[in-house]
Amino acid sequence: MTAKAPADEIETAMIDVECRNESGYDTAYFSAVGEEQERLVSEYSDALQEVEQSMRGIQQAINFYVIEGQGR
């Protein structure tokens, strides 16, 4: 998208950013999201480790068959 936003939209966005900064909304929001992510990672660490192992296997297969040209 290359069209420039209308002036009223830019002004509204700037007011929104200023309000979020002054109120501390962004800080509180990202802090809450971060805390929830940490809780979920801790709670589901076993499942996440299994997924990580699966992803490693997939990447190895990609490397072997695609990158190294072994699939020909």
Protein backbone atom coordinates (compact mmCIF):
# COMPACT_ATOMS: atom_id res chain seq x y z
CA MET A 1 0.00 0.00 0.00
CA THR A 2 1.63 3.20 -1.12
CA ALA A 3 -1.17 5.74 -0.72
CA LYS A 4 -0.58 8.33 1.98
CA ALA A 5 -3.05 8.30 4.84
CA PRO A 6 -5.40 11.28 5.09
CA ALA A 7 -4.32 14.02 7.49
CA ASP A 8 -7.21 13.32 9.90
CA GLU A 9 -6.18 9.66 10.19
CA ILE A 10 -2.57 10.64 10.87
CA GLU A 11 -3.70 13.13 13.51
CA THR A 12 -5.94 10.53 15.17
CA ALA A 13 -3.10 8.00 15.21
CA MET A 14 -0.72 10.54 16.75
CA ILE A 15 -3.25 11.38 19.47
CA ASP A 16 -3.74 7.66 20.15
CA VAL A 17 0.02 7.08 20.49
CA GLU A 18 0.38 10.04 22.83
CA CYS A 19 -2.54 8.85 24.95
CA ARG A 20 -1.10 5.34 25.19
CA ASN A 21 2.27 6.73 26.23
CA GLU A 22 0.85 9.12 28.84
CA SER A 23 -1.56 6.59 30.34
CA GLY A 24 0.98 3.75 30.52
CA TYR A 25 -1.39 1.50 28.57
CA ASP A 26 1.28 0.01 26.30
CA THR A 27 3.60 -0.73 29.22
CA ALA A 28 0.83 -2.41 31.19
CA TYR A 29 -0.43 -4.34 28.17
CA PHE A 30 2.97 -5.68 27.11
CA SER A 31 3.84 -6.49 30.70
CA ALA A 32 0.65 -8.54 31.06
CA VAL A 33 1.24 -10.29 27.74
CA GLY A 34 4.84 -11.08 28.71
CA GLU A 35 3.78 -12.49 32.07
CA GLU A 36 1.16 -14.69 30.41
CA GLN A 37 3.67 -15.94 27.85
CA GLU A 38 6.14 -16.82 30.61
CA ARG A 39 3.39 -18.68 32.50
CA LEU A 40 2.38 -20.64 29.41
CA VAL A 41 5.98 -21.53 28.55
CA SER A 42 6.50 -22.78 32.08
CA GLU A 43 3.20 -24.67 32.19
CA TYR A 44 3.65 -26.32 28.79
CA SER A 45 7.44 -26.72 28.72
CA ASP A 46 7.30 -30.48 28.03
CA ALA A 47 4.99 -30.04 25.03
CA LEU A 48 7.07 -27.13 23.75
CA GLN A 49 10.24 -29.21 23.96
CA GLU A 50 8.55 -31.93 21.90
CA VAL A 51 7.52 -29.36 19.31
CA GLU A 52 11.05 -27.99 19.23
CA GLN A 53 12.44 -31.48 18.59
CA SER A 54 9.91 -32.02 15.80
CA MET A 55 10.84 -28.68 14.23
CA ARG A 56 14.51 -29.65 14.35
CA GLY A 57 13.69 -32.88 12.51
CA ILE A 58 11.72 -30.98 9.90
CA GLN A 59 14.58 -28.52 9.40
CA GLN A 60 17.04 -31.40 9.01
CA ALA A 61 14.80 -32.95 6.35
CA ILE A 62 14.57 -29.62 4.53
CA ASN A 63 18.34 -29.26 4.65
CA PHE A 64 18.85 -32.78 3.33
CA TYR A 65 16.22 -32.87 0.60
CA VAL A 66 15.99 -29.27 -0.53
CA ILE A 67 19.13 -27.38 0.34
CA GLU A 68 21.59 -30.20 -0.29
CA GLY A 69 19.65 -31.36 -3.38
CA GLN A 70 19.30 -34.93 -2.18
CA GLY A 71 15.67 -35.11 -3.19
CA ARG A 72 16.41 -35.28 -6.90
